[in-house]
Amino acid sequence: MIQFNCKCGGAMSVPDSMAGQVEKCPDCGRDVSAPSAPVKFRRSFGEQVSGVLAFLFILLALPVGVMVGDLFADGVGFVVGIGVCILFISAAAVQSAITNVLLYLRTIANN
């Protein structure tokens, strides 16, 4: 179902098959064009994997950073540990960006 509003504020809904067609508003009687149905996408396997990797990078950032930091002397270990955390979070951001670019490109290709 496509749900939309008339200019008068009246709520309207039509089946997806009526996208782009004209309907009368039940409140004011004005002819209103139903908007096109939203395009629904399922994420591809690659996009799902990319999202899972981003989640894992964020989940592991602090524990791995602490473990790596413990391998070094006190002053250096803290800096190295923070660096590893930043590296993991940056990797998550890159994975998320890749997923969004893939979704955008697929949206453009289908229009």
N, C-alpha and C. Protein backbone atom coordinates (compact mmCIF):
# COMPACT_ATOMS: atom_id res chain seq x y z
N MET A 1 0.85 -1.19 0.00
CA MET A 1 0.00 0.00 0.00
C MET A 1 0.89 1.25 0.00
N ILE A 2 0.47 2.22 -0.79
CA ILE A 2 1.13 3.52 -0.81
C ILE A 2 0.27 4.47 0.00
N GLN A 3 0.86 5.11 1.00
CA GLN A 3 0.13 6.06 1.84
C GLN A 3 0.65 7.46 1.55
N PHE A 4 -0.26 8.41 1.42
CA PHE A 4 0.11 9.80 1.13
C PHE A 4 -1.01 10.71 1.59
N ASN A 5 -0.78 12.02 1.50
CA ASN A 5 -1.76 13.00 1.93
C ASN A 5 -2.14 13.93 0.78
N CYS A 6 -3.39 14.35 0.80
CA CYS A 6 -3.89 15.36 -0.13
C CYS A 6 -3.40 16.73 0.38
N LYS A 7 -3.48 17.76 -0.46
CA LYS A 7 -3.11 19.11 -0.05
C LYS A 7 -3.98 19.61 1.10
N CYS A 8 -5.21 19.08 1.19
CA CYS A 8 -6.11 19.49 2.27
C CYS A 8 -5.74 18.82 3.60
N GLY A 9 -4.81 17.85 3.53
CA GLY A 9 -4.40 17.13 4.74
C GLY A 9 -5.06 15.77 4.89
N GLY A 10 -5.98 15.46 3.99
CA GLY A 10 -6.67 14.17 4.05
C GLY A 10 -5.72 13.01 3.78
N ALA A 11 -5.80 12.00 4.63
CA ALA A 11 -4.96 10.81 4.46
C ALA A 11 -5.54 9.91 3.39
N MET A 12 -4.67 9.43 2.51
CA MET A 12 -5.10 8.56 1.42
C MET A 12 -4.16 7.37 1.34
N SER A 13 -4.68 6.26 0.82
CA SER A 13 -3.83 5.10 0.57
C SER A 13 -4.41 4.33 -0.61
N VAL A 14 -3.49 3.81 -1.42
CA VAL A 14 -3.89 3.02 -2.59
C VAL A 14 -2.97 1.82 -2.69
N PRO A 15 -3.39 0.77 -3.39
CA PRO A 15 -2.50 -0.38 -3.59
C PRO A 15 -1.29 0.03 -4.44
N ASP A 16 -0.20 -0.69 -4.32
CA ASP A 16 1.01 -0.40 -5.09
C ASP A 16 0.73 -0.36 -6.59
N SER A 17 -0.23 -1.15 -7.05
CA SER A 17 -0.55 -1.19 -8.48
C SER A 17 -1.15 0.13 -8.98
N MET A 18 -1.59 1.00 -8.08
CA MET A 18 -2.20 2.28 -8.45
C MET A 18 -1.19 3.42 -8.46
N ALA A 19 0.11 3.11 -8.32
CA ALA A 19 1.14 4.15 -8.29
C ALA A 19 1.08 5.01 -9.55
N GLY A 20 1.11 6.34 -9.35
CA GLY A 20 1.10 7.27 -10.47
C GLY A 20 -0.28 7.58 -11.02
N GLN A 21 -1.31 6.91 -10.55
CA GLN A 21 -2.66 7.13 -11.06
C GLN A 21 -3.38 8.16 -10.18
N VAL A 22 -4.43 8.73 -10.73
CA VAL A 22 -5.19 9.79 -10.05
C VAL A 22 -6.32 9.18 -9.24
N GLU A 23 -6.45 9.65 -8.02
CA GLU A 23 -7.53 9.23 -7.11
C GLU A 23 -8.21 10.48 -6.56
N LYS A 24 -9.47 10.35 -6.19
CA LYS A 24 -10.18 11.46 -5.56
C LYS A 24 -9.96 11.41 -4.06
N CYS A 25 -9.70 12.59 -3.49
CA CYS A 25 -9.53 12.69 -2.04
C CYS A 25 -10.89 12.46 -1.37
N PRO A 26 -10.93 11.58 -0.37
CA PRO A 26 -12.22 11.32 0.29
C PRO A 26 -12.71 12.51 1.11
N ASP A 27 -11.81 13.44 1.48
CA ASP A 27 -12.21 14.58 2.31
C ASP A 27 -12.70 15.77 1.47
N CYS A 28 -11.93 16.14 0.42
CA CYS A 28 -12.28 17.35 -0.33
C CYS A 28 -12.71 17.08 -1.76
N GLY A 29 -12.53 15.86 -2.27
CA GLY A 29 -12.93 15.51 -3.62
C GLY A 29 -11.94 15.92 -4.71
N ARG A 30 -10.82 16.50 -4.34
CA ARG A 30 -9.80 16.94 -5.31
C ARG A 30 -9.11 15.72 -5.92
N ASP A 31 -8.74 15.82 -7.21
CA ASP A 31 -7.96 14.76 -7.86
C ASP A 31 -6.52 14.84 -7.37
N VAL A 32 -6.01 13.71 -6.90
CA VAL A 32 -4.65 13.65 -6.37
C VAL A 32 -3.93 12.49 -7.04
N SER A 33 -2.71 12.76 -7.54
CA SER A 33 -1.90 11.70 -8.13
C SER A 33 -1.19 10.92 -7.02
N ALA A 34 -1.35 9.63 -7.06
CA ALA A 34 -0.65 8.78 -6.08
C ALA A 34 0.84 8.75 -6.44
N PRO A 35 1.72 8.92 -5.45
CA PRO A 35 3.14 8.88 -5.75
C PRO A 35 3.56 7.48 -6.19
N SER A 36 4.73 7.39 -6.82
CA SER A 36 5.22 6.08 -7.24
C SER A 36 5.58 5.27 -6.00
N ALA A 37 5.46 3.98 -6.12
CA ALA A 37 5.76 3.10 -4.98
C ALA A 37 7.25 3.16 -4.67
N PRO A 38 7.60 3.14 -3.39
CA PRO A 38 9.02 3.14 -3.03
C PRO A 38 9.67 1.85 -3.50
N VAL A 39 10.93 1.97 -3.93
CA VAL A 39 11.67 0.80 -4.38
C VAL A 39 12.24 0.10 -3.15
N LYS A 40 11.98 -1.19 -3.06
CA LYS A 40 12.46 -1.96 -1.92
C LYS A 40 13.61 -2.85 -2.36
N PHE A 41 14.70 -2.80 -1.60
CA PHE A 41 15.87 -3.60 -1.92
C PHE A 41 16.20 -4.53 -0.78
N ARG A 42 16.64 -5.70 -1.13
CA ARG A 42 17.25 -6.58 -0.14
C ARG A 42 18.74 -6.37 -0.29
N ARG A 43 19.42 -6.36 0.81
CA ARG A 43 20.87 -6.24 0.75
C ARG A 43 21.46 -7.51 0.17
N SER A 44 22.43 -7.33 -0.71
CA SER A 44 23.11 -8.48 -1.28
C SER A 44 23.98 -9.13 -0.22
N PHE A 45 24.47 -10.32 -0.51
CA PHE A 45 25.32 -11.03 0.45
C PHE A 45 26.57 -10.20 0.77
N GLY A 46 27.17 -9.59 -0.25
CA GLY A 46 28.37 -8.77 -0.05
C GLY A 46 28.10 -7.58 0.85
N GLU A 47 26.93 -6.96 0.68
CA GLU A 47 26.58 -5.82 1.53
C GLU A 47 26.32 -6.26 2.97
N GLN A 48 25.74 -7.43 3.15
CA GLN A 48 25.52 -7.95 4.49
C GLN A 48 26.84 -8.27 5.17
N VAL A 49 27.77 -8.87 4.42
CA VAL A 49 29.09 -9.19 4.98
C VAL A 49 29.81 -7.91 5.37
N SER A 50 29.71 -6.88 4.53
CA SER A 50 30.35 -5.61 4.82
C SER A 50 29.81 -5.00 6.12
N GLY A 51 28.50 -5.08 6.31
CA GLY A 51 27.91 -4.57 7.54
C GLY A 51 28.35 -5.34 8.77
N VAL A 52 28.45 -6.67 8.64
CA VAL A 52 28.90 -7.50 9.76
C VAL A 52 30.35 -7.19 10.10
N LEU A 53 31.19 -7.01 9.07
CA LEU A 53 32.59 -6.67 9.32
C LEU A 53 32.71 -5.34 10.05
N ALA A 54 31.92 -4.36 9.65
CA ALA A 54 31.96 -3.06 10.32
C ALA A 54 31.59 -3.22 11.79
N PHE A 55 30.56 -4.00 12.08
CA PHE A 55 30.15 -4.25 13.45
C PHE A 55 31.26 -4.93 14.24
N LEU A 56 31.89 -5.93 13.64
CA LEU A 56 32.97 -6.65 14.34
C LEU A 56 34.17 -5.75 14.61
N PHE A 57 34.51 -4.88 13.66
CA PHE A 57 35.63 -3.96 13.88
C PHE A 57 35.35 -3.07 15.09
N ILE A 58 34.14 -2.56 15.20
CA ILE A 58 33.80 -1.70 16.33
C ILE A 58 33.77 -2.51 17.63
N LEU A 59 33.20 -3.70 17.56
CA LEU A 59 33.11 -4.55 18.75
C LEU A 59 34.49 -4.93 19.29
N LEU A 60 35.43 -5.17 18.39
CA LEU A 60 36.76 -5.63 18.79
C LEU A 60 37.76 -4.50 19.04
N ALA A 61 37.40 -3.26 18.72
CA ALA A 61 38.36 -2.16 18.81
C ALA A 61 38.97 -2.03 20.20
N LEU A 62 38.17 -1.95 21.24
CA LEU A 62 38.70 -1.74 22.58
C LEU A 62 39.44 -2.96 23.12
N PRO A 63 38.87 -4.17 23.07
CA PRO A 63 39.61 -5.31 23.61
C PRO A 63 40.95 -5.55 22.91
N VAL A 64 40.98 -5.45 21.59
CA VAL A 64 42.23 -5.66 20.86
C VAL A 64 43.21 -4.54 21.19
N GLY A 65 42.71 -3.31 21.25
CA GLY A 65 43.58 -2.19 21.60
C GLY A 65 44.22 -2.37 22.97
N VAL A 66 43.45 -2.84 23.95
CA VAL A 66 43.99 -3.08 25.30
C VAL A 66 45.01 -4.21 25.28
N MET A 67 44.70 -5.30 24.56
CA MET A 67 45.64 -6.43 24.51
C MET A 67 46.95 -6.03 23.83
N VAL A 68 46.86 -5.29 22.74
CA VAL A 68 48.08 -4.85 22.05
C VAL A 68 48.85 -3.88 22.93
N GLY A 69 48.13 -2.98 23.58
CA GLY A 69 48.79 -2.02 24.47
C GLY A 69 49.54 -2.68 25.60
N ASP A 70 49.04 -3.80 26.11
CA ASP A 70 49.69 -4.52 27.21
C ASP A 70 51.00 -5.17 26.79
N LEU A 71 51.21 -5.33 25.49
CA LEU A 71 52.45 -5.94 25.01
C LEU A 71 53.63 -4.99 25.07
N PHE A 72 53.38 -3.69 25.21
CA PHE A 72 54.44 -2.69 25.20
C PHE A 72 54.63 -2.11 26.59
N ALA A 73 55.71 -1.32 26.75
CA ALA A 73 55.97 -0.64 28.03
C ALA A 73 54.83 0.33 28.32
N ASP A 74 54.73 0.75 29.58
CA ASP A 74 53.58 1.54 30.03
C ASP A 74 53.26 2.75 29.16
N GLY A 75 54.20 3.65 28.95
CA GLY A 75 53.91 4.87 28.19
C GLY A 75 53.60 4.59 26.74
N VAL A 76 54.36 3.72 26.12
CA VAL A 76 54.18 3.40 24.71
C VAL A 76 52.93 2.55 24.51
N GLY A 77 52.66 1.64 25.42
CA GLY A 77 51.52 0.73 25.29
C GLY A 77 50.20 1.44 25.20
N PHE A 78 50.04 2.52 26.00
CA PHE A 78 48.79 3.27 25.97
C PHE A 78 48.59 3.89 24.59
N VAL A 79 49.65 4.51 24.06
CA VAL A 79 49.56 5.17 22.76
C VAL A 79 49.28 4.13 21.66
N VAL A 80 49.97 3.00 21.71
CA VAL A 80 49.77 1.95 20.71
C VAL A 80 48.35 1.40 20.81
N GLY A 81 47.88 1.18 22.04
CA GLY A 81 46.52 0.67 22.24
C GLY A 81 45.47 1.61 21.67
N ILE A 82 45.62 2.91 21.91
CA ILE A 82 44.70 3.91 21.36
C ILE A 82 44.77 3.91 19.84
N GLY A 83 45.99 3.78 19.31
CA GLY A 83 46.16 3.73 17.85
C GLY A 83 45.44 2.55 17.23
N VAL A 84 45.52 1.39 17.88
CA VAL A 84 44.84 0.19 17.37
C VAL A 84 43.32 0.39 17.43
N CYS A 85 42.83 0.99 18.51
CA CYS A 85 41.38 1.27 18.61
C CYS A 85 40.94 2.17 17.46
N ILE A 86 41.71 3.23 17.21
CA ILE A 86 41.38 4.15 16.13
C ILE A 86 41.43 3.44 14.78
N LEU A 87 42.41 2.57 14.60
CA LEU A 87 42.53 1.82 13.36
C LEU A 87 41.30 0.93 13.13
N PHE A 88 40.86 0.23 14.17
CA PHE A 88 39.69 -0.65 14.03
C PHE A 88 38.42 0.15 13.75
N ILE A 89 38.25 1.29 14.43
CA ILE A 89 37.06 2.10 14.21
C ILE A 89 37.10 2.72 12.81
N SER A 90 38.28 3.11 12.34
CA SER A 90 38.42 3.63 10.98
C SER A 90 38.06 2.55 9.95
N ALA A 91 38.49 1.33 10.20
CA ALA A 91 38.16 0.23 9.30
C ALA A 91 36.64 0.02 9.25
N ALA A 92 35.99 0.17 10.40
CA ALA A 92 34.53 0.03 10.44
C ALA A 92 33.86 1.13 9.62
N ALA A 93 34.40 2.36 9.72
CA ALA A 93 33.84 3.47 8.94
C ALA A 93 34.00 3.22 7.45
N VAL A 94 35.15 2.69 7.05
CA VAL A 94 35.38 2.39 5.64
C VAL A 94 34.42 1.29 5.17
N GLN A 95 34.23 0.25 5.98
CA GLN A 95 33.29 -0.82 5.61
C GLN A 95 31.88 -0.27 5.46
N SER A 96 31.48 0.61 6.37
CA SER A 96 30.15 1.20 6.30
C SER A 96 30.01 2.06 5.05
N ALA A 97 31.03 2.83 4.72
CA ALA A 97 31.00 3.67 3.53
C ALA A 97 30.89 2.82 2.26
N ILE A 98 31.63 1.72 2.22
CA ILE A 98 31.57 0.82 1.06
C ILE A 98 30.15 0.29 0.89
N THR A 99 29.52 -0.12 1.98
CA THR A 99 28.16 -0.64 1.92
C THR A 99 27.20 0.42 1.38
N ASN A 100 27.34 1.66 1.87
CA ASN A 100 26.44 2.73 1.43
C ASN A 100 26.66 3.06 -0.04
N VAL A 101 27.90 3.06 -0.51
CA VAL A 101 28.17 3.33 -1.91
C VAL A 101 27.57 2.23 -2.79
N LEU A 102 27.71 0.97 -2.36
CA LEU A 102 27.13 -0.13 -3.13
C LEU A 102 25.61 0.00 -3.23
N LEU A 103 24.97 0.34 -2.13
CA LEU A 103 23.51 0.52 -2.15
C LEU A 103 23.11 1.68 -3.06
N TYR A 104 23.87 2.77 -3.01
CA TYR A 104 23.57 3.92 -3.85
C TYR A 104 23.72 3.58 -5.33
N LEU A 105 24.80 2.90 -5.67
CA LEU A 105 25.02 2.52 -7.06
C LEU A 105 23.93 1.59 -7.56
N ARG A 106 23.49 0.68 -6.71
CA ARG A 106 22.43 -0.24 -7.12
C ARG A 106 21.12 0.51 -7.30
N THR A 107 20.87 1.52 -6.46
CA THR A 107 19.66 2.33 -6.60
C THR A 107 19.66 3.09 -7.92
N ILE A 108 20.81 3.65 -8.27
CA ILE A 108 20.92 4.39 -9.54
C ILE A 108 20.73 3.43 -10.71
N ALA A 109 21.32 2.26 -10.63
CA ALA A 109 21.24 1.30 -11.74
C ALA A 109 19.80 0.82 -11.98
N ASN A 110 18.99 0.78 -10.93
CA ASN A 110 17.62 0.29 -11.06
C ASN A 110 16.62 1.38 -11.43
N ASN A 111 17.05 2.61 -11.49
CA ASN A 111 16.12 3.71 -11.85
C ASN A 111 16.24 4.08 -13.28
